[in-house]
N, C-alpha and C. Protein backbone atom coordinates (compact mmCIF):
# COMPACT_ATOMS: atom_id res chain seq x y z
N UNK A 1 -12.00 23.24 12.14
CA UNK A 1 -11.16 23.21 10.80
C UNK A 1 -9.96 22.43 11.69
N UNK A 2 -9.41 22.71 13.24
CA UNK A 2 -9.09 22.11 13.95
C UNK A 2 -8.53 20.33 13.93
N UNK A 3 -9.84 20.02 13.80
CA UNK A 3 -9.87 18.87 13.69
C UNK A 3 -9.24 18.02 12.65
N UNK A 4 -9.56 18.50 11.59
CA UNK A 4 -9.47 18.38 10.52
C UNK A 4 -7.78 17.73 10.59
N UNK A 5 -7.13 19.20 10.81
CA UNK A 5 -5.13 19.18 11.04
C UNK A 5 -5.40 17.98 11.76
N UNK A 6 -5.78 17.83 12.52
CA UNK A 6 -4.94 16.78 13.94
C UNK A 6 -5.59 15.28 13.19
N UNK A 7 -6.50 14.92 12.47
CA UNK A 7 -6.90 13.59 11.97
C UNK A 7 -5.92 13.95 10.56
N UNK A 8 -5.50 14.32 9.83
CA UNK A 8 -4.88 14.55 9.07
C UNK A 8 -3.25 13.90 8.96
N UNK A 9 -2.63 14.81 10.44
CA UNK A 9 -1.38 14.32 10.75
C UNK A 9 -1.59 13.08 11.44
N UNK A 10 -3.01 12.84 11.78
CA UNK A 10 -2.87 11.77 12.64
C UNK A 10 -2.44 10.54 11.61
N UNK A 11 -3.48 10.37 10.07
CA UNK A 11 -3.46 9.79 8.96
C UNK A 11 -1.67 9.47 8.50
N UNK A 12 -0.81 10.83 8.74
CA UNK A 12 0.42 11.09 8.45
C UNK A 12 1.13 10.22 9.10
N UNK A 13 0.98 9.58 10.08
CA UNK A 13 1.69 8.93 11.00
C UNK A 13 1.47 8.17 10.75
N UNK A 14 0.04 7.45 11.09
CA UNK A 14 -0.12 6.21 10.52
C UNK A 14 0.68 5.55 9.21
N UNK A 15 0.39 6.34 8.07
CA UNK A 15 0.88 5.93 6.93
C UNK A 15 2.64 5.68 7.11
N UNK A 16 3.03 6.98 7.75
CA UNK A 16 4.60 6.32 7.52
C UNK A 16 4.72 5.10 8.01
N UNK A 17 4.03 4.94 9.76
CA UNK A 17 4.70 4.11 10.61
C UNK A 17 4.02 2.70 9.15
N UNK A 18 3.37 2.71 8.46
CA UNK A 18 2.60 1.60 8.16
C UNK A 18 3.96 1.33 6.93
N UNK A 19 4.37 2.44 6.03
CA UNK A 19 5.06 2.22 4.91
C UNK A 19 6.67 1.62 5.31
N UNK A 20 7.08 2.49 6.51
CA UNK A 20 8.29 1.93 6.69
C UNK A 20 8.43 0.10 7.09
N UNK A 21 7.10 0.04 8.04
CA UNK A 21 7.10 -1.44 8.46
C UNK A 21 7.08 -2.54 6.87
N UNK A 22 6.10 -1.89 6.56
CA UNK A 22 6.63 -2.48 5.12
C UNK A 22 7.58 -2.84 4.37
N UNK A 23 7.90 -1.85 3.99
CA UNK A 23 9.45 -1.76 3.63
C UNK A 23 10.50 -2.41 4.41
N UNK A 24 10.51 -2.51 5.44
CA UNK A 24 11.41 -2.77 6.33
C UNK A 24 10.89 -4.67 6.21
N UNK A 25 10.17 -5.07 6.17
CA UNK A 25 9.77 -6.08 5.76
C UNK A 25 9.58 -7.12 5.18
N UNK A 26 9.58 -6.09 3.98
CA UNK A 26 9.84 -6.68 2.17
C UNK A 26 11.11 -6.55 1.91
N UNK A 27 11.90 -6.28 2.87
CA UNK A 27 13.37 -5.42 2.32
C UNK A 27 13.94 -7.23 3.27
N UNK A 28 13.99 -7.73 4.75
CA UNK A 28 13.95 -8.72 5.12
C UNK A 28 13.64 -9.49 4.64
N UNK A 29 12.77 -9.68 4.30
CA UNK A 29 12.34 -11.18 3.86
C UNK A 29 12.99 -11.20 1.61
N UNK A 30 13.93 -9.99 1.68
CA UNK A 30 14.64 -10.63 0.23
C UNK A 30 13.30 -10.68 -1.04
N UNK A 31 12.42 -9.47 -0.41
CA UNK A 31 11.60 -9.54 -1.86
C UNK A 31 11.86 -8.67 -2.78
N UNK A 32 13.22 -8.41 -3.15
CA UNK A 32 13.59 -7.89 -4.70
C UNK A 32 14.42 -8.57 -5.27
N UNK A 33 14.16 -9.44 -5.69
CA UNK A 33 14.85 -10.20 -6.58
C UNK A 33 14.80 -10.26 -7.74
N UNK A 34 13.46 -9.36 -8.10
CA UNK A 34 12.79 -9.23 -9.70
C UNK A 34 11.62 -8.06 -9.37
N UNK A 35 11.49 -7.30 -10.62
CA UNK A 35 11.09 -6.24 -11.15
C UNK A 35 9.59 -6.40 -10.24
N UNK A 36 8.55 -7.15 -10.43
CA UNK A 36 7.67 -7.09 -9.87
C UNK A 36 7.85 -6.92 -7.86
N UNK A 37 8.65 -7.40 -7.42
CA UNK A 37 9.02 -7.36 -5.82
C UNK A 37 9.71 -6.38 -5.48
N UNK A 38 10.43 -5.49 -6.53
CA UNK A 38 10.86 -4.13 -6.25
C UNK A 38 9.43 -3.32 -5.99
N UNK A 39 8.18 -3.41 -6.92
CA UNK A 39 7.17 -2.31 -7.07
C UNK A 39 7.01 -1.66 -5.74
N UNK A 40 6.24 -2.89 -4.29
CA UNK A 40 5.79 -2.21 -3.45
C UNK A 40 6.99 -1.50 -2.39
N UNK A 41 8.25 -1.77 -2.68
CA UNK A 41 9.58 -1.49 -2.17
C UNK A 41 9.25 0.41 -2.57
N UNK A 42 9.17 0.50 -4.23
CA UNK A 42 9.67 1.76 -4.71
C UNK A 42 8.47 2.46 -4.41
N UNK A 43 6.85 1.73 -4.32
CA UNK A 43 6.13 2.83 -3.58
C UNK A 43 5.95 3.42 -2.20
N UNK A 44 6.51 2.55 -1.31
CA UNK A 44 6.30 3.04 -0.14
C UNK A 44 7.45 4.07 -0.17
N UNK A 45 8.35 4.03 -0.73
CA UNK A 45 9.82 5.02 -0.83
C UNK A 45 9.15 6.52 -1.65
N UNK A 46 8.40 6.54 -2.53
CA UNK A 46 7.68 7.25 -2.99
C UNK A 46 6.43 7.20 -2.47
N UNK A 47 5.64 6.77 -2.13
CA UNK A 47 4.67 6.99 -1.05
C UNK A 47 4.73 8.07 -0.15
N UNK A 48 5.52 7.99 0.54
CA UNK A 48 6.65 8.67 1.88
C UNK A 48 6.91 9.86 1.64
N UNK A 49 7.84 10.08 0.62
CA UNK A 49 8.36 11.44 0.24
C UNK A 49 7.25 12.19 -0.59
N UNK A 50 6.25 11.53 -1.20
CA UNK A 50 5.14 12.03 -1.54
C UNK A 50 4.44 13.04 -0.71
N UNK A 51 3.50 12.15 0.34
CA UNK A 51 3.25 12.33 1.84
C UNK A 51 4.09 12.93 2.51
N UNK A 52 5.20 13.00 2.30
CA UNK A 52 6.23 14.32 3.29
C UNK A 52 5.98 15.83 2.70
N UNK A 53 5.66 15.72 0.76
CA UNK A 53 5.91 16.76 0.57
C UNK A 53 4.32 16.82 0.70
N UNK A 54 3.70 16.56 0.28
CA UNK A 54 2.21 16.99 0.69
C UNK A 54 2.16 17.95 2.19
N UNK A 55 2.91 17.21 3.54
CA UNK A 55 2.38 17.99 4.39
C UNK A 55 3.09 19.61 4.83
N UNK A 56 4.86 19.48 3.86
CA UNK A 56 5.43 20.69 4.45
C UNK A 56 5.58 21.29 3.52
N UNK A 57 5.37 21.15 1.89
CA UNK A 57 5.19 21.88 0.75
C UNK A 57 3.45 22.08 0.35
N UNK A 58 2.46 22.00 1.44
CA UNK A 58 1.16 21.72 0.77
C UNK A 58 0.30 22.83 -0.81
N UNK A 59 0.42 21.81 -1.47
CA UNK A 59 0.03 22.67 -3.36
C UNK A 59 -0.53 21.45 -3.17
N UNK A 60 -1.54 22.05 -4.59
CA UNK A 60 -2.68 21.16 -5.22
C UNK A 60 -1.88 20.26 -6.08
N UNK A 61 -0.55 20.55 -6.72
CA UNK A 61 0.21 19.80 -7.36
C UNK A 61 0.81 18.69 -6.92
N UNK A 62 1.63 18.67 -4.61
CA UNK A 62 2.12 18.08 -4.74
C UNK A 62 0.70 16.86 -3.78
N UNK A 63 -0.38 17.38 -3.81
CA UNK A 63 -1.31 16.78 -2.72
C UNK A 63 -1.93 15.72 -4.33
N UNK A 64 -1.97 16.26 -5.24
CA UNK A 64 -2.37 15.05 -7.14
C UNK A 64 -1.07 14.36 -6.53
N UNK A 65 -0.53 14.53 -6.63
CA UNK A 65 0.96 13.73 -6.69
C UNK A 65 0.97 12.85 -5.76
N UNK A 66 0.49 12.73 -4.83
CA UNK A 66 -0.03 12.17 -3.32
C UNK A 66 -1.45 11.07 -4.21
N UNK A 67 -1.81 11.71 -4.23
CA UNK A 67 -3.61 11.50 -4.88
C UNK A 67 -2.64 9.82 -5.55
N UNK A 68 -2.00 10.25 -6.81
CA UNK A 68 -1.69 9.28 -7.86
C UNK A 68 -0.81 8.14 -7.37
N UNK A 69 -0.37 8.34 -6.90
CA UNK A 69 0.85 6.88 -5.84
C UNK A 69 -0.05 6.54 -4.91
N UNK A 70 -1.14 7.23 -4.32
CA UNK A 70 -2.24 6.02 -3.73
C UNK A 70 -2.82 4.88 -4.36
N UNK A 71 -3.21 5.66 -5.09
CA UNK A 71 -3.49 5.28 -6.56
C UNK A 71 -3.07 3.59 -6.88
N UNK A 72 -1.69 3.73 -6.94
CA UNK A 72 -0.66 2.95 -7.76
C UNK A 72 -0.54 1.84 -6.15
N UNK A 73 -0.75 2.61 -5.53
CA UNK A 73 -0.67 1.50 -4.08
C UNK A 73 -2.10 0.46 -3.93
N UNK A 74 -3.01 1.19 -4.16
CA UNK A 74 -4.69 0.16 -4.02
C UNK A 74 -4.38 -0.48 -5.23
N UNK A 75 -3.90 -0.64 -6.59
CA UNK A 75 -3.65 -1.12 -7.85
C UNK A 75 -2.64 -2.28 -7.28
N UNK A 76 -1.45 -1.93 -6.53
CA UNK A 76 -0.21 -2.84 -6.50
C UNK A 76 -0.55 -3.85 -5.75
N UNK A 77 -1.66 -3.07 -4.86
CA UNK A 77 -2.14 -4.36 -3.58
C UNK A 77 -2.46 -5.14 -4.29
N UNK A 78 -3.76 -4.88 -4.87
CA UNK A 78 -4.68 -6.44 -6.10
C UNK A 78 -3.76 -6.64 -6.94
N UNK A 79 -3.31 -6.69 -7.41
CA UNK A 79 -2.37 -6.95 -8.38
C UNK A 79 -1.19 -8.19 -8.00
N UNK A 80 -0.77 -8.25 -6.19
CA UNK A 80 0.12 -8.62 -5.52
C UNK A 80 -0.71 -9.30 -4.90
N UNK A 81 -2.06 -9.45 -4.32
CA UNK A 81 -2.58 -10.10 -3.81
C UNK A 81 -3.56 -11.67 -5.05
N UNK A 82 -3.07 -11.04 -6.32
CA UNK A 82 -3.21 -11.87 -7.33
C UNK A 82 -2.84 -13.01 -7.47
N UNK A 83 -1.27 -12.13 -7.61
CA UNK A 83 0.11 -12.88 -7.74
C UNK A 83 0.29 -13.71 -6.78
N UNK A 84 0.47 -13.89 -5.30
CA UNK A 84 0.57 -14.33 -4.64
C UNK A 84 -0.68 -15.38 -4.54
N UNK A 85 -1.75 -15.29 -4.43
CA UNK A 85 -2.28 -16.24 -4.91
C UNK A 85 -2.41 -17.17 -5.98
N UNK A 86 -1.82 -16.79 -6.93
CA UNK A 86 -2.35 -17.50 -8.09
C UNK A 86 -0.45 -18.60 -8.03
N UNK A 87 0.53 -17.66 -7.57
CA UNK A 87 1.71 -18.93 -6.78
C UNK A 87 1.43 -19.70 -6.00
N UNK A 88 0.65 -19.27 -4.99
CA UNK A 88 0.32 -20.56 -3.76
C UNK A 88 -0.70 -21.81 -4.46
N UNK A 89 -1.51 -21.27 -5.27
CA UNK A 89 -2.47 -22.36 -5.70
C UNK A 89 -1.40 -23.06 -6.85
N UNK A 90 -0.52 -23.08 -7.84
CA UNK A 90 0.25 -23.77 -8.39
C UNK A 90 1.26 -24.24 -7.21
N UNK A 91 2.00 -23.76 -6.14
CA UNK A 91 2.81 -24.76 -4.85
C UNK A 91 1.73 -25.87 -4.69
N UNK A 92 0.54 -25.66 -4.30
CA UNK A 92 -0.38 -26.14 -4.09
C UNK A 92 -0.81 -27.89 -4.49
N UNK A 93 -1.13 -27.16 -5.72
CA UNK A 93 -1.13 -27.98 -7.04
C UNK A 93 0.13 -29.29 -7.38
N UNK A 94 1.34 -28.35 -7.00
CA UNK A 94 2.36 -29.20 -7.24
C UNK A 94 2.27 -30.39 -6.04
N UNK A 95 1.77 -30.08 -5.16
CA UNK A 95 1.78 -30.86 -3.31
C UNK A 95 0.53 -31.92 -3.91
N UNK A 96 -0.57 -31.35 -4.79
CA UNK A 96 -1.31 -32.64 -4.52
C UNK A 96 -2.17 -31.62 -5.82
N UNK A 97 -1.80 -33.02 -6.49
CA UNK A 97 -2.43 -32.02 -8.17
C UNK A 97 -4.25 -32.61 -8.15
N UNK A 98 -4.87 -33.83 -7.37
CA UNK A 98 -5.85 -33.56 -7.53
C UNK A 98 -7.16 -32.29 -6.44
N UNK A 99 -6.28 -31.83 -6.10
CA UNK A 99 -7.13 -30.40 -5.90
C UNK A 99 -7.80 -29.45 -6.81
N UNK A 100 -8.74 -29.01 -5.65
CA UNK A 100 -9.62 -27.86 -7.11
C UNK A 100 -10.87 -27.54 -6.54
N UNK A 101 -11.28 -26.49 -6.81
CA UNK A 101 -12.39 -25.30 -5.95
C UNK A 101 -12.25 -25.47 -4.96
N UNK A 102 -13.10 -25.44 -4.10
CA UNK A 102 -13.48 -24.90 -2.91
C UNK A 102 -11.81 -25.21 -1.54
N UNK A 103 -11.80 -26.96 -1.99
CA UNK A 103 -10.08 -27.20 -1.05
C UNK A 103 -9.65 -26.52 -1.87
N UNK A 104 -9.10 -26.06 -3.13
CA UNK A 104 -7.76 -25.31 -3.57
C UNK A 104 -7.78 -24.36 -2.75
N UNK A 105 -9.00 -23.64 -3.23
CA UNK A 105 -9.12 -21.80 -2.68
C UNK A 105 -9.03 -21.99 -1.39
N UNK A 106 -9.29 -22.68 -0.59
CA UNK A 106 -8.91 -22.68 0.78
C UNK A 106 -7.78 -23.11 1.50
N UNK A 107 -7.06 -23.87 1.14
CA UNK A 107 -5.33 -24.19 1.21
C UNK A 107 -4.77 -23.36 0.38
N UNK A 108 -4.93 -22.36 -0.41
CA UNK A 108 -4.35 -21.10 -0.88
C UNK A 108 -4.50 -20.18 -0.17
N UNK A 109 -5.37 -20.13 0.36
CA UNK A 109 -5.81 -19.25 0.98
C UNK A 109 -4.83 -18.64 2.02
N UNK A 110 -4.93 -19.77 3.21
CA UNK A 110 -4.25 -19.97 4.61
C UNK A 110 -2.63 -20.40 4.20
N UNK A 111 -2.25 -20.54 2.85
CA UNK A 111 -1.10 -21.14 3.26
C UNK A 111 -0.15 -19.72 3.51
N UNK A 112 0.98 -20.17 3.85
CA UNK A 112 1.72 -19.08 4.97
C UNK A 112 2.91 -18.35 3.58
N UNK A 113 3.14 -19.00 2.89
CA UNK A 113 4.43 -19.39 1.93
C UNK A 113 3.58 -19.04 0.46
N UNK A 114 4.04 -18.21 -0.62
CA UNK A 114 3.81 -16.63 0.13
C UNK A 114 2.37 -16.23 0.65
N UNK A 115 2.27 -15.08 1.38
CA UNK A 115 0.89 -15.11 1.63
C UNK A 115 -0.06 -14.69 1.01
N UNK A 116 -1.03 -15.46 0.48
CA UNK A 116 -2.38 -14.19 -0.79
C UNK A 116 -2.56 -13.37 -0.15
N UNK A 117 -2.35 -12.96 0.94
CA UNK A 117 -4.20 -11.82 1.03
C UNK A 117 -3.01 -10.85 1.74
N UNK A 118 -0.77 -10.97 2.02
CA UNK A 118 -0.30 -9.82 2.44
C UNK A 118 -0.06 -8.30 1.50
N UNK A 119 -0.23 -8.78 0.40
CA UNK A 119 -0.18 -7.61 -0.15
C UNK A 119 -1.64 -6.47 0.16
N UNK A 120 -2.64 -7.04 0.56
CA UNK A 120 -3.26 -5.68 1.12
C UNK A 120 -3.45 -5.13 1.58
N UNK A 121 -2.27 -4.85 2.99
CA UNK A 121 -1.41 -3.75 3.49
C UNK A 121 -1.33 -2.98 2.54
N UNK A 122 -0.92 -2.81 1.03
CA UNK A 122 -0.78 -2.10 0.49
C UNK A 122 -1.80 -1.21 -0.36
N UNK A 123 -2.95 -2.16 0.14
CA UNK A 123 -4.33 -1.83 0.14
C UNK A 123 -4.83 -0.69 0.82
N UNK A 124 -4.43 -0.62 1.53
CA UNK A 124 -4.69 -0.13 2.80
C UNK A 124 -4.05 0.90 2.91
N UNK A 125 -2.55 0.58 2.83
CA UNK A 125 -2.10 2.60 3.25
C UNK A 125 -1.88 3.16 2.08
N UNK A 126 -2.28 2.69 1.04
CA UNK A 126 -2.84 3.59 -0.45
C UNK A 126 -4.40 4.31 -0.21
N UNK A 127 -5.10 3.88 0.53
CA UNK A 127 -6.59 4.20 1.27
C UNK A 127 -6.45 5.45 2.32
N UNK A 128 -5.35 4.54 2.91
CA UNK A 128 -4.99 6.17 4.19
C UNK A 128 -4.46 6.98 3.51
N UNK A 129 -3.95 6.72 3.08
CA UNK A 129 -2.64 7.66 1.84
C UNK A 129 -4.32 8.89 1.43
N UNK A 130 -4.89 8.60 0.51
CA UNK A 130 -6.04 8.85 -0.12
C UNK A 130 -6.53 10.40 0.75
N UNK A 131 -7.54 9.19 2.27
CA UNK A 131 -7.92 9.11 2.93
C UNK A 131 -7.24 10.75 4.24
N UNK A 132 -5.82 10.99 3.73
CA UNK A 132 -4.88 11.98 4.10
C UNK A 132 -5.38 13.30 3.49
N UNK A 133 -6.12 13.07 1.85
CA UNK A 133 -5.90 14.11 0.93
C UNK A 133 -7.10 14.54 1.00
N UNK A 134 -8.47 13.50 1.43
CA UNK A 134 -9.52 14.40 1.27
C UNK A 134 -9.75 15.46 1.96
N UNK A 135 -10.43 16.14 1.47
CA UNK A 135 -10.91 17.48 1.27
C UNK A 135 -9.61 18.89 1.70
N UNK A 136 -8.64 18.11 1.51
CA UNK A 136 -7.50 18.75 1.05
C UNK A 136 -7.17 20.45 1.18
N UNK A 137 -6.76 21.01 1.94
CA UNK A 137 -7.05 22.28 1.63
C UNK A 137 -6.10 23.18 0.41
N UNK A 138 -5.12 22.40 0.51
CA UNK A 138 -4.95 22.85 -0.89
C UNK A 138 -5.15 22.84 -2.19
N UNK A 139 -6.12 21.97 -2.26
CA UNK A 139 -6.87 21.33 -3.49
C UNK A 139 -7.86 22.93 -3.46
N UNK A 140 -8.39 23.40 -2.34
CA UNK A 140 -9.19 24.45 -2.46
C UNK A 140 -8.39 25.75 -2.40
N UNK A 141 -7.22 25.62 -2.93
CA UNK A 141 -6.37 26.78 -3.18
C UNK A 141 -6.14 27.81 -1.69
N UNK A 142 -5.96 26.72 -0.47
CA UNK A 142 -5.51 27.31 0.69
C UNK A 142 -4.92 26.45 1.21
N UNK A 143 -3.85 27.56 2.17
CA UNK A 143 -2.79 26.86 2.64
C UNK A 143 -3.52 26.32 4.10
N UNK A 144 -3.04 24.95 4.38
CA UNK A 144 -3.62 24.21 5.45
C UNK A 144 -2.91 25.05 6.78
N UNK A 145 -3.55 24.39 7.92
CA UNK A 145 -2.68 25.46 9.26
C UNK A 145 -2.27 23.95 9.97
N UNK A 146 -0.84 23.77 10.53
CA UNK A 146 -0.63 22.95 11.14
C UNK A 146 0.20 21.53 10.88
N UNK A 147 0.12 21.20 9.21
CA UNK A 147 0.13 20.20 8.31
C UNK A 147 1.44 20.24 8.19
């Protein structure tokens, strides 16, 4: 049982470092000009609060809330990849209207602005948060030790 506590603490730390890093990067890049750009910043804050609540006040409710927020991380990452990819393909087509098919996909996927796959980090964080909740003792009515 102690191994599970250690793994859960490691996942907590990884999530906090990742969420803090993403929030800082997005803030420094000015990724808050439109509502859809604010969503990952809001999720980083909500996820941080939720994972800390489930760590310091582990109840079924706090763990379930964390799971819901982590699912939102995954969905926002998928939607973000689509938004970034779409914006990049539109830009690439403005630069070279003759692009299509594989050539357009290749140009868009390796473009630096906006980086099409960058929102995938939200998916990773969501999965880390969900892993943190896997077989969480609070979901079985137990109080975890050391969480």
